[in-house]
Amino acid sequence: QVRLVESGGGLVQAGGSLRLSCAASGRTVSNYAMGWFRQAPGKEREFVLAINWSGTSTYYADAVKGRFTISRDNAKSTVYLQMNSLKPEDTAVYYCAVRTSSPRLTTAQAMSRMSAYDYWGQGTQVTVSS
């Protein structure tokens, strides 16, 4: 079992920045792919970005390329989502997820599917005001 806890959400003005954290416990996640998804009110949950098991590859949704980055600190079993140049349309609940099952995924298409992930956090609200 893996427990994921997101933090760092809040209210920010358009153009501002936030850094979300996703702390894992119960099992080391240093060798597993992790992803971030978001869900805006009235919309389906959508892929934001992901990092592969080794930290050598990252995958981004077009909507966040050039603005969001993902990184991981394996010593702290934590993944970060750095969000810059935030827009009102980035307003959503943000969820982190981890894939512990096999095989390891190596394509953006595979990493962007919700079904690829085995454990999810409870989410953190990000609100961007115009």
C-alpha atoms as a PDB file:
ATOM      1  CA  GLN A   1       0.000   0.000   0.000  1.00  0.00           C
ATOM      2  CA  VAL A   2       1.103   3.523  -0.802  1.00  0.00           C
ATOM      3  CA  ARG A   3      -0.359   6.653   0.700  1.00  0.00           C
ATOM      4  CA  LEU A   4       0.024   9.885  -1.245  1.00  0.00           C
ATOM      5  CA  VAL A   5      -0.605  13.291   0.281  1.00  0.00           C
ATOM      6  CA  GLU A   6      -0.631  16.435  -1.828  1.00  0.00           C
ATOM      7  CA  SER A   7       0.009  19.887  -0.423  1.00  0.00           C
ATOM      8  CA  GLY A   8       0.810  23.392  -1.575  1.00  0.00           C
ATOM      9  CA  GLY A   9      -2.435  24.333  -3.235  1.00  0.00           C
ATOM     10  CA  GLY A  10      -4.107  27.667  -2.729  1.00  0.00           C
ATOM     11  CA  LEU A  11      -5.308  30.871  -4.317  1.00  0.00           C
ATOM     12  CA  VAL A  12      -2.991  32.752  -6.650  1.00  0.00           C
ATOM     13  CA  GLN A  13      -3.377  35.551  -9.164  1.00  0.00           C
ATOM     14  CA  ALA A  14      -2.984  34.924 -12.864  1.00  0.00           C
ATOM     15  CA  GLY A  15       0.684  34.990 -13.802  1.00  0.00           C
ATOM     16  CA  GLY A  16       1.744  33.760 -10.398  1.00  0.00           C
ATOM     17  CA  SER A  17       3.398  30.524  -9.309  1.00  0.00           C
ATOM     18  CA  LEU A  18       2.736  27.637  -6.977  1.00  0.00           C
ATOM     19  CA  ARG A  19       4.648  24.509  -6.080  1.00  0.00           C
ATOM     20  CA  LEU A  20       2.691  21.419  -5.201  1.00  0.00           C
ATOM     21  CA  SER A  21       4.208  18.547  -3.273  1.00  0.00           C
ATOM     22  CA  CYS A  22       3.193  14.910  -3.210  1.00  0.00           C
ATOM     23  CA  ALA A  23       4.630  12.956  -0.307  1.00  0.00           C
ATOM     24  CA  ALA A  24       4.516   9.178  -0.396  1.00  0.00           C
ATOM     25  CA  SER A  25       4.486   6.842   2.565  1.00  0.00           C
ATOM     26  CA  GLY A  26       3.986   3.164   3.208  1.00  0.00           C
ATOM     27  CA  ARG A  27       6.324   2.091   0.449  1.00  0.00           C
ATOM     28  CA  THR A  28       9.266   3.643  -1.304  1.00  0.00           C
ATOM     29  CA  VAL A  29       8.313   5.156  -4.634  1.00  0.00           C
ATOM     30  CA  SER A  30      11.796   6.011  -5.811  1.00  0.00           C
ATOM     31  CA  ASN A  31      11.648   3.462  -8.634  1.00  0.00           C
ATOM     32  CA  TYR A  32       8.109   4.097  -9.793  1.00  0.00           C
ATOM     33  CA  ALA A  33       6.562   6.419 -12.329  1.00  0.00           C
ATOM     34  CA  MET A  34       4.516   9.234 -10.882  1.00  0.00           C
ATOM     35  CA  GLY A  35       2.050  11.594 -12.434  1.00  0.00           C
ATOM     36  CA  TRP A  36      -0.075  14.645 -11.816  1.00  0.00           C
ATOM     37  CA  PHE A  37      -3.663  14.995 -12.988  1.00  0.00           C
ATOM     38  CA  ARG A  38      -6.246  17.694 -12.452  1.00  0.00           C
ATOM     39  CA  GLN A  39      -9.995  18.005 -12.432  1.00  0.00           C
ATOM     40  CA  ALA A  40     -11.819  21.260 -12.970  1.00  0.00           C
ATOM     41  CA  PRO A  41     -15.434  21.712 -11.863  1.00  0.00           C
ATOM     42  CA  GLY A  42     -17.802  19.939 -14.217  1.00  0.00           C
ATOM     43  CA  LYS A  43     -14.968  18.381 -16.214  1.00  0.00           C
ATOM     44  CA  GLU A  44     -13.284  15.023 -16.353  1.00  0.00           C
ATOM     45  CA  ARG A  45      -9.941  14.437 -14.701  1.00  0.00           C
ATOM     46  CA  GLU A  46      -7.141  15.121 -17.146  1.00  0.00           C
ATOM     47  CA  PHE A  47      -3.445  14.403 -17.407  1.00  0.00           C
ATOM     48  CA  VAL A  48      -1.017  17.202 -16.547  1.00  0.00           C
ATOM     49  CA  LEU A  49       2.439  15.657 -16.488  1.00  0.00           C
ATOM     50  CA  ALA A  50       4.407  12.637 -15.363  1.00  0.00           C
ATOM     51  CA  ILE A  51       7.915  11.482 -14.625  1.00  0.00           C
ATOM     52  CA  ASN A  52       9.211   8.026 -15.352  1.00  0.00           C
ATOM     53  CA  TRP A  53      10.545   5.566 -12.815  1.00  0.00           C
ATOM     54  CA  SER A  54      14.177   6.689 -13.171  1.00  0.00           C
ATOM     55  CA  GLY A  55      13.491  10.399 -13.355  1.00  0.00           C
ATOM     56  CA  THR A  56      15.127  10.598 -16.766  1.00  0.00           C
ATOM     57  CA  SER A  57      11.982  11.284 -18.787  1.00  0.00           C
ATOM     58  CA  THR A  58       9.074  13.633 -18.292  1.00  0.00           C
ATOM     59  CA  TYR A  59       5.809  13.906 -20.169  1.00  0.00           C
ATOM     60  CA  TYR A  60       3.642  16.997 -20.428  1.00  0.00           C
ATOM     61  CA  ALA A  61       0.167  17.855 -21.561  1.00  0.00           C
ATOM     62  CA  ASP A  62       0.241  20.517 -24.275  1.00  0.00           C
ATOM     63  CA  ALA A  63      -1.692  22.923 -22.075  1.00  0.00           C
ATOM     64  CA  VAL A  64       1.123  23.135 -19.531  1.00  0.00           C
ATOM     65  CA  LYS A  65       4.269  22.818 -21.643  1.00  0.00           C
ATOM     66  CA  GLY A  66       6.726  25.573 -20.909  1.00  0.00           C
ATOM     67  CA  ARG A  67       4.902  26.543 -17.700  1.00  0.00           C
ATOM     68  CA  PHE A  68       4.830  23.448 -15.465  1.00  0.00           C
ATOM     69  CA  THR A  69       7.663  21.159 -14.474  1.00  0.00           C
ATOM     70  CA  ILE A  70       7.817  17.956 -12.477  1.00  0.00           C
ATOM     71  CA  SER A  71      10.670  16.769 -10.342  1.00  0.00           C
ATOM     72  CA  ARG A  72      11.271  14.156  -7.693  1.00  0.00           C
ATOM     73  CA  ASP A  73      13.330  13.867  -4.547  1.00  0.00           C
ATOM     74  CA  ASN A  74      13.713  10.157  -3.941  1.00  0.00           C
ATOM     75  CA  ALA A  75      15.396  10.688  -0.586  1.00  0.00           C
ATOM     76  CA  LYS A  76      12.226  12.382   0.625  1.00  0.00           C
ATOM     77  CA  SER A  77       9.912  10.138  -1.408  1.00  0.00           C
ATOM     78  CA  THR A  78       8.318  13.294  -2.746  1.00  0.00           C
ATOM     79  CA  VAL A  79       7.344  14.549  -6.176  1.00  0.00           C
ATOM     80  CA  TYR A  80       6.924  18.227  -6.954  1.00  0.00           C
ATOM     81  CA  LEU A  81       4.844  20.115  -9.463  1.00  0.00           C
ATOM     82  CA  GLN A  82       6.188  23.587 -10.146  1.00  0.00           C
ATOM     83  CA  MET A  83       3.542  25.741 -11.805  1.00  0.00           C
ATOM     84  CA  ASN A  84       4.513  29.078 -13.322  1.00  0.00           C
ATOM     85  CA  SER A  85       2.607  31.633 -15.383  1.00  0.00           C
ATOM     86  CA  LEU A  86      -0.643  30.316 -13.990  1.00  0.00           C
ATOM     87  CA  LYS A  87      -3.862  30.990 -15.847  1.00  0.00           C
ATOM     88  CA  PRO A  88      -7.484  30.958 -14.645  1.00  0.00           C
ATOM     89  CA  GLU A  89      -8.024  27.834 -16.716  1.00  0.00           C
ATOM     90  CA  ASP A  90      -5.487  26.037 -14.510  1.00  0.00           C
ATOM     91  CA  THR A  91      -8.007  26.190 -11.679  1.00  0.00           C
ATOM     92  CA  ALA A  92      -8.705  22.634 -10.587  1.00  0.00           C
ATOM     93  CA  VAL A  93      -8.130  20.014  -7.936  1.00  0.00           C
ATOM     94  CA  TYR A  94      -4.702  18.543  -8.559  1.00  0.00           C
ATOM     95  CA  TYR A  95      -4.013  14.874  -7.863  1.00  0.00           C
ATOM     96  CA  CYS A  96      -0.780  12.938  -7.779  1.00  0.00           C
ATOM     97  CA  ALA A  97      -0.602   9.262  -8.586  1.00  0.00           C
ATOM     98  CA  VAL A  98       1.964   6.476  -8.631  1.00  0.00           C
ATOM     99  CA  ARG A  99       2.325   3.390 -10.769  1.00  0.00           C
ATOM    100  CA  THR A 100       3.670   0.422  -8.811  1.00  0.00           C
ATOM    101  CA  SER A 101       2.583  -2.339 -11.162  1.00  0.00           C
ATOM    102  CA  SER A 102       4.514  -3.808 -14.076  1.00  0.00           C
ATOM    103  CA  PRO A 103       5.604  -3.287 -16.766  1.00  0.00           C
ATOM    104  CA  ARG A 104       7.333   0.060 -16.623  1.00  0.00           C
ATOM    105  CA  LEU A 105       5.806   2.509 -19.070  1.00  0.00           C
ATOM    106  CA  THR A 106       7.923   4.332 -21.602  1.00  0.00           C
ATOM    107  CA  THR A 107       5.594   6.405 -23.767  1.00  0.00           C
ATOM    108  CA  ALA A 108       3.752   9.645 -23.222  1.00  0.00           C
ATOM    109  CA  GLN A 109       0.491   8.065 -24.325  1.00  0.00           C
ATOM    110  CA  ALA A 110       0.795   5.320 -21.760  1.00  0.00           C
ATOM    111  CA  MET A 111       1.851   7.661 -18.973  1.00  0.00           C
ATOM    112  CA  SER A 112      -1.108   9.968 -19.611  1.00  0.00           C
ATOM    113  CA  ARG A 113      -3.780   7.365 -18.877  1.00  0.00           C
ATOM    114  CA  MET A 114      -5.442   7.374 -15.472  1.00  0.00           C
ATOM    115  CA  SER A 115      -5.626   3.596 -15.639  1.00  0.00           C
ATOM    116  CA  ALA A 116      -1.814   3.432 -15.650  1.00  0.00           C
ATOM    117  CA  TYR A 117      -1.650   4.438 -11.982  1.00  0.00           C
ATOM    118  CA  ASP A 118      -2.314   2.313  -8.941  1.00  0.00           C
ATOM    119  CA  TYR A 119      -2.531   4.775  -6.065  1.00  0.00           C
ATOM    120  CA  TRP A 120      -3.905   8.289  -5.845  1.00  0.00           C
ATOM    121  CA  GLY A 121      -3.784  11.158  -3.422  1.00  0.00           C
ATOM    122  CA  GLN A 122      -6.810  13.018  -2.138  1.00  0.00           C
ATOM    123  CA  GLY A 123      -6.080  16.133  -4.171  1.00  0.00           C
ATOM    124  CA  THR A 124      -5.273  19.756  -3.461  1.00  0.00           C
ATOM    125  CA  GLN A 125      -7.224  22.758  -4.730  1.00  0.00           C
ATOM    126  CA  VAL A 126      -5.541  25.321  -6.947  1.00  0.00           C
ATOM    127  CA  THR A 127      -7.503  28.455  -7.742  1.00  0.00           C
ATOM    128  CA  VAL A 128      -6.162  31.063 -10.157  1.00  0.00           C
ATOM    129  CA  SER A 129      -7.916  34.415 -10.130  1.00  0.00           C
ATOM    130  CA  SER A 130      -7.989  36.714 -13.138  1.00  0.00           C
END
